[in-house]
Amino acid sequence: MIGWLPEIALGLTCNSKNTGSTMTTLSGPTNDLLHKFPNLYEKVFTVSTAPTCVDLYQSRCGSLPRTTLDIGSGPGRELADLAELGIDCVGVDFVPMMIEYAQKSYPKVEFIQGDMREFRLGRKFDMITILGACINYMLENSDLEKALATIRAHCREDTIVIVEPYNTSSFVGTNVPPTEYAIPDGDFKAVGSATYEWSQKEQLIRRVRTWRFSEGQDDIQDTYKQRLYFAKELQYFFEKNGFSVIDIVEHQQSKIYNKSLFLLATPAS
């Protein structure tokens, strides 16, 4: 039975029963359960990155940005926090469900559906952010360079760009990526168990995550594939594509992942 959210039937394929239970596999514009249902995303990832972005910007500019573009804006929480500070904010995300949720939840912020490799808004911003490892969806060098061209097209001469990729140390060496996720939602609860496949040649990580629910719902499996960038590798691509990298810093943003990595850049003169 899939009754906990009626619209979950959109974009699903049901596999045959296995060991007595039905497995439902997500498909459609995104294969991630938390992307399809942004209200659940905010329950799993509870920490807003907005304060860190403000601190990083102010430490270099001495004031708040007047305007901000968030690429991969997701449920919109970070932009809503920035808007409360009086910042004019625009969010762009590829996933339709994220845009719909953000527009309803945060009507004071403008949200637009778009692909970071292609969109052009005809505006320039004081601060541009790409948070939550959205840059890691750029699997090929050409994808990343197209995304960097999009960022560059929306920069003023003094724009500060803040990118939060995965800290690759969370996936290699002695560190390990998270294997368990939890959705606490009153009487509704779910636990997701994840496994990872790592392609060293391609620098791709593939996660397969199975969600099991507390109320007798079908198991749901979601997947993602992302590229892991090393800090110096990202710095090279930014500098090759018209940026000067100001700094690369770590912050403990989330209890789920190890320290987040933040790359700060500005257009090269």
C-alpha atoms as a PDB file:
ATOM      1  CA  MET A   1       0.000   0.000   0.000  1.00  0.00           C
ATOM      2  CA  ILE A   2       1.219   3.501  -0.807  1.00  0.00           C
ATOM      3  CA  GLY A   3      -1.093   5.738   1.142  1.00  0.00           C
ATOM      4  CA  TRP A   4       1.063   8.075   3.190  1.00  0.00           C
ATOM      5  CA  LEU A   5       1.215  10.682   0.402  1.00  0.00           C
ATOM      6  CA  PRO A   6      -1.364  10.359  -2.358  1.00  0.00           C
ATOM      7  CA  GLU A   7       0.752  12.018  -5.024  1.00  0.00           C
ATOM      8  CA  ILE A   8       3.596   9.544  -4.556  1.00  0.00           C
ATOM      9  CA  ALA A   9       1.998   7.436  -7.287  1.00  0.00           C
ATOM     10  CA  LEU A  10       3.384   9.956  -9.789  1.00  0.00           C
ATOM     11  CA  GLY A  11       6.598   8.733 -11.370  1.00  0.00           C
ATOM     12  CA  LEU A  12       6.804   5.355  -9.664  1.00  0.00           C
ATOM     13  CA  THR A  13       7.457   1.869 -10.976  1.00  0.00           C
ATOM     14  CA  CYS A  14       6.565  -1.133  -8.829  1.00  0.00           C
ATOM     15  CA  ASN A  15       8.808  -4.176  -8.810  1.00  0.00           C
ATOM     16  CA  SER A  16       7.719  -7.713  -8.067  1.00  0.00           C
ATOM     17  CA  LYS A  17       7.363  -8.806  -4.477  1.00  0.00           C
ATOM     18  CA  ASN A  18      10.526  -9.836  -2.753  1.00  0.00           C
ATOM     19  CA  THR A  19      10.616 -11.762   0.520  1.00  0.00           C
ATOM     20  CA  GLY A  20       6.975 -10.966   1.125  1.00  0.00           C
ATOM     21  CA  SER A  21       7.118  -7.193   0.717  1.00  0.00           C
ATOM     22  CA  THR A  22       6.594  -4.915  -2.274  1.00  0.00           C
ATOM     23  CA  MET A  23       9.442  -2.695  -3.350  1.00  0.00           C
ATOM     24  CA  THR A  24       8.574   0.544  -5.108  1.00  0.00           C
ATOM     25  CA  THR A  25      11.309   2.189  -7.176  1.00  0.00           C
ATOM     26  CA  LEU A  26      11.205   5.918  -7.796  1.00  0.00           C
ATOM     27  CA  SER A  27      11.520   7.298 -11.304  1.00  0.00           C
ATOM     28  CA  GLY A  28      10.785  10.565 -13.102  1.00  0.00           C
ATOM     29  CA  PRO A  29      12.638  13.921 -13.068  1.00  0.00           C
ATOM     30  CA  THR A  30      14.435  12.824  -9.912  1.00  0.00           C
ATOM     31  CA  ASN A  31      14.883   9.433  -8.297  1.00  0.00           C
ATOM     32  CA  ASP A  32      15.328  10.795  -4.764  1.00  0.00           C
ATOM     33  CA  LEU A  33      12.374  10.457  -2.398  1.00  0.00           C
ATOM     34  CA  LEU A  34      13.357  13.639  -0.570  1.00  0.00           C
ATOM     35  CA  HIS A  35      13.426  15.596  -3.829  1.00  0.00           C
ATOM     36  CA  LYS A  36       9.954  14.398  -4.739  1.00  0.00           C
ATOM     37  CA  PHE A  37       8.668  15.427  -1.310  1.00  0.00           C
ATOM     38  CA  PRO A  38      10.527  18.556  -0.151  1.00  0.00           C
ATOM     39  CA  ASN A  39       8.608  18.681   3.140  1.00  0.00           C
ATOM     40  CA  LEU A  40      10.389  15.443   4.063  1.00  0.00           C
ATOM     41  CA  TYR A  41      13.727  16.809   2.838  1.00  0.00           C
ATOM     42  CA  GLU A  42      13.511  19.609   5.394  1.00  0.00           C
ATOM     43  CA  LYS A  43      12.843  17.063   8.160  1.00  0.00           C
ATOM     44  CA  VAL A  44      15.979  15.064   7.320  1.00  0.00           C
ATOM     45  CA  PHE A  45      18.304  18.000   6.606  1.00  0.00           C
ATOM     46  CA  THR A  46      17.363  20.377   9.383  1.00  0.00           C
ATOM     47  CA  VAL A  47      20.253  22.871   9.316  1.00  0.00           C
ATOM     48  CA  SER A  48      20.042  25.989   7.153  1.00  0.00           C
ATOM     49  CA  THR A  49      23.248  27.036   5.411  1.00  0.00           C
ATOM     50  CA  ALA A  50      22.122  30.668   5.200  1.00  0.00           C
ATOM     51  CA  PRO A  51      23.978  31.876   8.351  1.00  0.00           C
ATOM     52  CA  THR A  52      27.246  30.398   7.076  1.00  0.00           C
ATOM     53  CA  CYS A  53      26.809  32.119   3.699  1.00  0.00           C
ATOM     54  CA  VAL A  54      26.095  35.444   5.390  1.00  0.00           C
ATOM     55  CA  ASP A  55      29.172  35.091   7.600  1.00  0.00           C
ATOM     56  CA  LEU A  56      31.401  34.196   4.650  1.00  0.00           C
ATOM     57  CA  TYR A  57      30.084  37.114   2.586  1.00  0.00           C
ATOM     58  CA  GLN A  58      30.282  39.676   5.392  1.00  0.00           C
ATOM     59  CA  SER A  59      33.816  38.608   6.346  1.00  0.00           C
ATOM     60  CA  ARG A  60      34.935  39.707   2.897  1.00  0.00           C
ATOM     61  CA  CYS A  61      32.565  42.573   2.063  1.00  0.00           C
ATOM     62  CA  GLY A  62      31.692  44.018   5.469  1.00  0.00           C
ATOM     63  CA  SER A  63      27.967  44.166   4.724  1.00  0.00           C
ATOM     64  CA  LEU A  64      25.017  42.044   3.663  1.00  0.00           C
ATOM     65  CA  PRO A  65      24.478  41.336  -0.026  1.00  0.00           C
ATOM     66  CA  ARG A  66      21.604  43.289  -1.543  1.00  0.00           C
ATOM     67  CA  THR A  67      20.737  40.483  -3.972  1.00  0.00           C
ATOM     68  CA  THR A  68      21.275  36.719  -3.957  1.00  0.00           C
ATOM     69  CA  LEU A  69      20.842  33.975  -6.550  1.00  0.00           C
ATOM     70  CA  ASP A  70      20.693  30.431  -5.195  1.00  0.00           C
ATOM     71  CA  ILE A  71      21.241  27.773  -7.876  1.00  0.00           C
ATOM     72  CA  GLY A  72      19.771  24.451  -6.799  1.00  0.00           C
ATOM     73  CA  SER A  73      17.543  26.223  -4.278  1.00  0.00           C
ATOM     74  CA  GLY A  74      15.605  23.085  -3.300  1.00  0.00           C
ATOM     75  CA  PRO A  75      12.798  23.632  -0.783  1.00  0.00           C
ATOM     76  CA  GLY A  76      13.804  27.301  -0.487  1.00  0.00           C
ATOM     77  CA  ARG A  77      14.646  27.437   3.218  1.00  0.00           C
ATOM     78  CA  GLU A  78      18.017  29.159   2.815  1.00  0.00           C
ATOM     79  CA  LEU A  79      16.575  31.885   0.601  1.00  0.00           C
ATOM     80  CA  ALA A  80      13.668  32.417   2.968  1.00  0.00           C
ATOM     81  CA  ASP A  81      16.166  32.972   5.789  1.00  0.00           C
ATOM     82  CA  LEU A  82      18.124  35.446   3.658  1.00  0.00           C
ATOM     83  CA  ALA A  83      14.939  37.261   2.619  1.00  0.00           C
ATOM     84  CA  GLU A  84      14.154  37.827   6.296  1.00  0.00           C
ATOM     85  CA  LEU A  85      17.339  39.930   6.399  1.00  0.00           C
ATOM     86  CA  GLY A  86      15.990  42.183   3.657  1.00  0.00           C
ATOM     87  CA  ILE A  87      17.948  40.557   0.808  1.00  0.00           C
ATOM     88  CA  ASP A  88      16.301  40.358  -2.633  1.00  0.00           C
ATOM     89  CA  CYS A  89      16.451  36.623  -3.399  1.00  0.00           C
ATOM     90  CA  VAL A  90      15.911  34.449  -6.466  1.00  0.00           C
ATOM     91  CA  GLY A  91      16.076  30.655  -6.473  1.00  0.00           C
ATOM     92  CA  VAL A  92      16.479  28.334  -9.460  1.00  0.00           C
ATOM     93  CA  ASP A  93      16.039  24.566  -9.255  1.00  0.00           C
ATOM     94  CA  PHE A  94      15.781  21.761 -11.809  1.00  0.00           C
ATOM     95  CA  VAL A  95      13.178  19.726  -9.878  1.00  0.00           C
ATOM     96  CA  PRO A  96       9.544  20.822 -10.437  1.00  0.00           C
ATOM     97  CA  MET A  97       8.403  19.520  -7.050  1.00  0.00           C
ATOM     98  CA  MET A  98      11.002  21.622  -5.277  1.00  0.00           C
ATOM     99  CA  ILE A  99       9.915  24.775  -7.104  1.00  0.00           C
ATOM    100  CA  GLU A 100       6.223  24.148  -6.411  1.00  0.00           C
ATOM    101  CA  TYR A 101       6.889  23.542  -2.708  1.00  0.00           C
ATOM    102  CA  ALA A 102       9.156  26.581  -2.362  1.00  0.00           C
ATOM    103  CA  GLN A 103       6.684  28.904  -4.104  1.00  0.00           C
ATOM    104  CA  LYS A 104       3.885  27.826  -1.766  1.00  0.00           C
ATOM    105  CA  SER A 105       6.017  27.867   1.376  1.00  0.00           C
ATOM    106  CA  TYR A 106       7.937  31.102   0.808  1.00  0.00           C
ATOM    107  CA  PRO A 107       5.854  33.449  -1.385  1.00  0.00           C
ATOM    108  CA  LYS A 108       8.131  36.433  -0.684  1.00  0.00           C
ATOM    109  CA  VAL A 109      10.946  34.802  -2.682  1.00  0.00           C
ATOM    110  CA  GLU A 110      10.998  34.323  -6.463  1.00  0.00           C
ATOM    111  CA  PHE A 111      11.564  30.720  -7.573  1.00  0.00           C
ATOM    112  CA  ILE A 112      12.191  29.628 -11.157  1.00  0.00           C
ATOM    113  CA  GLN A 113      12.595  26.183 -12.657  1.00  0.00           C
ATOM    114  CA  GLY A 114      15.787  25.864 -14.676  1.00  0.00           C
ATOM    115  CA  ASP A 115      18.887  23.819 -15.485  1.00  0.00           C
ATOM    116  CA  MET A 116      22.111  25.297 -14.079  1.00  0.00           C
ATOM    117  CA  ARG A 117      23.862  24.487 -17.347  1.00  0.00           C
ATOM    118  CA  GLU A 118      21.491  26.607 -19.421  1.00  0.00           C
ATOM    119  CA  PHE A 119      19.345  29.249 -17.722  1.00  0.00           C
ATOM    120  CA  ARG A 120      19.891  32.985 -18.089  1.00  0.00           C
ATOM    121  CA  LEU A 121      17.871  35.474 -16.033  1.00  0.00           C
ATOM    122  CA  GLY A 122      19.226  38.712 -17.502  1.00  0.00           C
ATOM    123  CA  ARG A 123      20.186  39.866 -13.999  1.00  0.00           C
ATOM    124  CA  LYS A 124      23.367  40.089 -11.955  1.00  0.00           C
ATOM    125  CA  PHE A 125      23.664  39.444  -8.225  1.00  0.00           C
ATOM    126  CA  ASP A 126      25.874  40.398  -5.296  1.00  0.00           C
ATOM    127  CA  MET A 127      26.030  36.821  -4.005  1.00  0.00           C
ATOM    128  CA  ILE A 128      25.525  33.557  -5.882  1.00  0.00           C
ATOM    129  CA  THR A 129      25.290  30.273  -3.999  1.00  0.00           C
ATOM    130  CA  ILE A 130      25.224  26.622  -5.022  1.00  0.00           C
ATOM    131  CA  LEU A 131      24.636  24.689  -1.810  1.00  0.00           C
ATOM    132  CA  GLY A 132      23.815  21.156  -0.694  1.00  0.00           C
ATOM    133  CA  ALA A 133      26.215  19.449  -3.153  1.00  0.00           C
ATOM    134  CA  CYS A 134      24.121  20.501  -6.163  1.00  0.00           C
ATOM    135  CA  ILE A 135      27.348  21.119  -8.088  1.00  0.00           C
ATOM    136  CA  ASN A 136      28.073  17.395  -7.751  1.00  0.00           C
ATOM    137  CA  TYR A 137      25.250  16.622 -10.176  1.00  0.00           C
ATOM    138  CA  MET A 138      27.540  17.960 -12.902  1.00  0.00           C
ATOM    139  CA  LEU A 139      28.931  14.574 -13.886  1.00  0.00           C
ATOM    140  CA  GLU A 140      31.091  15.549 -16.864  1.00  0.00           C
ATOM    141  CA  ASN A 141      33.701  18.285 -17.237  1.00  0.00           C
ATOM    142  CA  SER A 142      31.520  19.859 -19.929  1.00  0.00           C
ATOM    143  CA  ASP A 143      28.535  19.936 -17.522  1.00  0.00           C
ATOM    144  CA  LEU A 144      30.606  21.713 -14.887  1.00  0.00           C
ATOM    145  CA  GLU A 145      31.952  24.253 -17.363  1.00  0.00           C
ATOM    146  CA  LYS A 146      28.437  25.040 -18.604  1.00  0.00           C
ATOM    147  CA  ALA A 147      27.347  25.585 -14.984  1.00  0.00           C
ATOM    148  CA  LEU A 148      30.299  27.895 -14.411  1.00  0.00           C
ATOM    149  CA  ALA A 149      29.319  29.862 -17.520  1.00  0.00           C
ATOM    150  CA  THR A 150      25.829  30.272 -16.030  1.00  0.00           C
ATOM    151  CA  ILE A 151      27.311  31.578 -12.786  1.00  0.00           C
ATOM    152  CA  ARG A 152      29.615  33.948 -14.684  1.00  0.00           C
ATOM    153  CA  ALA A 153      26.683  35.323 -16.701  1.00  0.00           C
ATOM    154  CA  HIS A 154      24.990  36.439 -13.463  1.00  0.00           C
ATOM    155  CA  CYS A 155      28.064  37.997 -11.805  1.00  0.00           C
ATOM    156  CA  ARG A 156      28.923  41.618 -11.201  1.00  0.00           C
ATOM    157  CA  GLU A 157      32.602  42.523 -11.003  1.00  0.00           C
ATOM    158  CA  ASP A 158      32.525  42.111  -7.208  1.00  0.00           C
ATOM    159  CA  THR A 159      30.074  39.199  -6.882  1.00  0.00           C
ATOM    160  CA  ILE A 160      30.940  36.613  -4.247  1.00  0.00           C
ATOM    161  CA  VAL A 161      30.241  33.028  -5.335  1.00  0.00           C
ATOM    162  CA  ILE A 162      29.815  30.425  -2.580  1.00  0.00           C
ATOM    163  CA  VAL A 163      29.738  26.774  -3.625  1.00  0.00           C
ATOM    164  CA  GLU A 164      29.190  23.892  -1.197  1.00  0.00           C
ATOM    165  CA  PRO A 165      30.281  20.640  -2.845  1.00  0.00           C
ATOM    166  CA  TYR A 166      30.573  17.362  -1.037  1.00  0.00           C
ATOM    167  CA  ASN A 167      33.689  17.228   1.070  1.00  0.00           C
ATOM    168  CA  THR A 168      35.205  14.268  -0.743  1.00  0.00           C
ATOM    169  CA  SER A 169      36.909  13.169   2.462  1.00  0.00           C
ATOM    170  CA  SER A 170      33.428  12.056   3.577  1.00  0.00           C
ATOM    171  CA  PHE A 171      33.529   9.328   0.931  1.00  0.00           C
ATOM    172  CA  VAL A 172      37.168   8.230   0.752  1.00  0.00           C
ATOM    173  CA  GLY A 173      39.929   7.371   3.180  1.00  0.00           C
ATOM    174  CA  THR A 174      38.999   6.617   6.777  1.00  0.00           C
ATOM    175  CA  ASN A 175      35.700   8.521   6.622  1.00  0.00           C
ATOM    176  CA  VAL A 176      32.488   6.881   5.445  1.00  0.00           C
ATOM    177  CA  PRO A 177      29.320   8.385   3.951  1.00  0.00           C
ATOM    178  CA  PRO A 178      26.069   8.145   5.918  1.00  0.00           C
ATOM    179  CA  THR A 179      24.374   4.754   5.731  1.00  0.00           C
ATOM    180  CA  GLU A 180      21.207   5.626   7.655  1.00  0.00           C
ATOM    181  CA  TYR A 181      18.724   8.480   7.204  1.00  0.00           C
ATOM    182  CA  ALA A 182      15.630   9.135   9.318  1.00  0.00           C
ATOM    183  CA  ILE A 183      12.344  10.934   8.695  1.00  0.00           C
ATOM    184  CA  PRO A 184      10.692  11.803  12.023  1.00  0.00           C
ATOM    185  CA  ASP A 185       7.227  13.192  11.289  1.00  0.00           C
ATOM    186  CA  GLY A 186       4.912  12.736  14.261  1.00  0.00           C
ATOM    187  CA  ASP A 187       3.282   9.322  14.002  1.00  0.00           C
ATOM    188  CA  PHE A 188       4.825   8.825  10.550  1.00  0.00           C
ATOM    189  CA  LYS A 189       8.420   7.669  10.623  1.00  0.00           C
ATOM    190  CA  ALA A 190      10.796   6.148   8.107  1.00  0.00           C
ATOM    191  CA  VAL A 191      14.379   4.930   8.086  1.00  0.00           C
ATOM    192  CA  GLY A 192      16.477   4.872   4.927  1.00  0.00           C
ATOM    193  CA  SER A 193      19.395   2.458   4.650  1.00  0.00           C
ATOM    194  CA  ALA A 194      21.992   3.368   2.010  1.00  0.00           C
ATOM    195  CA  THR A 195      24.726   1.530   0.163  1.00  0.00           C
ATOM    196  CA  TYR A 196      27.316   3.145  -2.135  1.00  0.00           C
ATOM    197  CA  GLU A 197      29.166   2.128  -5.265  1.00  0.00           C
ATOM    198  CA  TRP A 198      32.300   4.128  -6.032  1.00  0.00           C
ATOM    199  CA  SER A 199      33.727   4.320  -9.557  1.00  0.00           C
ATOM    200  CA  GLN A 200      37.297   5.554  -9.133  1.00  0.00           C
ATOM    201  CA  LYS A 201      37.849   5.927 -12.880  1.00  0.00           C
ATOM    202  CA  GLU A 202      34.835   8.220 -13.321  1.00  0.00           C
ATOM    203  CA  GLN A 203      34.904   9.752  -9.807  1.00  0.00           C
ATOM    204  CA  LEU A 204      31.220   8.874  -9.530  1.00  0.00           C
ATOM    205  CA  ILE A 205      29.391   7.772  -6.414  1.00  0.00           C
ATOM    206  CA  ARG A 206      26.114   5.890  -6.804  1.00  0.00           C
ATOM    207  CA  ARG A 207      23.856   5.595  -3.771  1.00  0.00           C
ATOM    208  CA  VAL A 208      21.030   3.075  -3.479  1.00  0.00           C
ATOM    209  CA  ARG A 209      18.784   3.832  -0.504  1.00  0.00           C
ATOM    210  CA  THR A 210      15.857   1.759   0.750  1.00  0.00           C
ATOM    211  CA  TRP A 211      13.205   3.432   2.889  1.00  0.00           C
ATOM    212  CA  ARG A 212      11.210   1.353   5.375  1.00  0.00           C
ATOM    213  CA  PHE A 213       8.162   2.903   7.003  1.00  0.00           C
ATOM    214  CA  SER A 214       6.570   2.553  10.404  1.00  0.00           C
ATOM    215  CA  GLU A 215       2.978   2.168   9.239  1.00  0.00           C
ATOM    216  CA  GLY A 216       3.064  -0.875   6.985  1.00  0.00           C
ATOM    217  CA  GLN A 217       3.764   1.017   3.775  1.00  0.00           C
ATOM    218  CA  ASP A 218       5.657  -0.479   0.863  1.00  0.00           C
ATOM    219  CA  ASP A 219       9.429  -0.214   0.942  1.00  0.00           C
ATOM    220  CA  ILE A 220      10.652   2.517  -1.400  1.00  0.00           C
ATOM    221  CA  GLN A 221      14.029   2.537  -3.113  1.00  0.00           C
ATOM    222  CA  ASP A 222      15.649   5.672  -4.480  1.00  0.00           C
ATOM    223  CA  THR A 223      18.972   6.241  -6.188  1.00  0.00           C
ATOM    224  CA  TYR A 224      21.349   9.014  -7.120  1.00  0.00           C
ATOM    225  CA  LYS A 225      24.599   9.372  -9.011  1.00  0.00           C
ATOM    226  CA  GLN A 226      26.960  12.272  -8.374  1.00  0.00           C
ATOM    227  CA  ARG A 227      30.551  13.185  -9.107  1.00  0.00           C
ATOM    228  CA  LEU A 228      33.005  13.710  -6.295  1.00  0.00           C
ATOM    229  CA  TYR A 229      35.235  16.746  -6.849  1.00  0.00           C
ATOM    230  CA  PHE A 230      38.418  17.305  -4.919  1.00  0.00           C
ATOM    231  CA  ALA A 231      39.029  20.845  -3.669  1.00  0.00           C
ATOM    232  CA  LYS A 232      42.020  21.551  -5.905  1.00  0.00           C
ATOM    233  CA  GLU A 233      40.155  20.106  -8.873  1.00  0.00           C
ATOM    234  CA  LEU A 234      37.253  22.523  -8.370  1.00  0.00           C
ATOM    235  CA  GLN A 235      39.705  25.385  -7.914  1.00  0.00           C
ATOM    236  CA  TYR A 236      41.295  24.498 -11.253  1.00  0.00           C
ATOM    237  CA  PHE A 237      37.959  24.523 -13.089  1.00  0.00           C
ATOM    238  CA  PHE A 238      36.883  27.824 -11.522  1.00  0.00           C
ATOM    239  CA  GLU A 239      40.160  29.520 -12.410  1.00  0.00           C
ATOM    240  CA  LYS A 240      40.091  28.038 -15.925  1.00  0.00           C
ATOM    241  CA  ASN A 241      36.601  29.470 -16.451  1.00  0.00           C
ATOM    242  CA  GLY A 242      37.029  33.094 -15.435  1.00  0.00           C
ATOM    243  CA  PHE A 243      37.082  33.113 -11.623  1.00  0.00           C
ATOM    244  CA  SER A 244      39.574  33.845  -8.882  1.00  0.00           C
ATOM    245  CA  VAL A 245      39.239  31.492  -5.920  1.00  0.00           C
ATOM    246  CA  ILE A 246      39.339  33.466  -2.686  1.00  0.00           C
ATOM    247  CA  ASP A 247      39.309  30.625  -0.193  1.00  0.00           C
ATOM    248  CA  ILE A 248      38.298  27.030   0.482  1.00  0.00           C
ATOM    249  CA  VAL A 249      37.030  26.439   4.016  1.00  0.00           C
ATOM    250  CA  GLU A 250      35.362  23.728   6.083  1.00  0.00           C
ATOM    251  CA  HIS A 251      32.365  24.060   8.408  1.00  0.00           C
ATOM    252  CA  GLN A 252      30.490  21.500  10.456  1.00  0.00           C
ATOM    253  CA  GLN A 253      27.086  22.152   8.862  1.00  0.00           C
ATOM    254  CA  SER A 254      25.321  18.831   9.249  1.00  0.00           C
ATOM    255  CA  LYS A 255      25.308  15.915  11.636  1.00  0.00           C
ATOM    256  CA  ILE A 256      24.670  13.626   8.666  1.00  0.00           C
ATOM    257  CA  TYR A 257      27.864  14.383   6.710  1.00  0.00           C
ATOM    258  CA  ASN A 258      31.370  15.238   7.839  1.00  0.00           C
ATOM    259  CA  LYS A 259      32.507  18.840   7.595  1.00  0.00           C
ATOM    260  CA  SER A 260      31.031  20.692   4.642  1.00  0.00           C
ATOM    261  CA  LEU A 261      33.392  22.267   2.135  1.00  0.00           C
ATOM    262  CA  PHE A 262      32.840  25.837   0.914  1.00  0.00           C
ATOM    263  CA  LEU A 263      34.632  27.322  -2.085  1.00  0.00           C
ATOM    264  CA  LEU A 264      34.549  31.120  -2.378  1.00  0.00           C
ATOM    265  CA  ALA A 265      35.277  32.810  -5.677  1.00  0.00           C
ATOM    266  CA  THR A 266      34.841  36.088  -7.491  1.00  0.00           C
ATOM    267  CA  PRO A 267      35.074  36.941 -11.213  1.00  0.00           C
ATOM    268  CA  ALA A 268      38.663  37.302 -12.385  1.00  0.00           C
ATOM    269  CA  SER A 269      39.596  40.834 -13.394  1.00  0.00           C
END
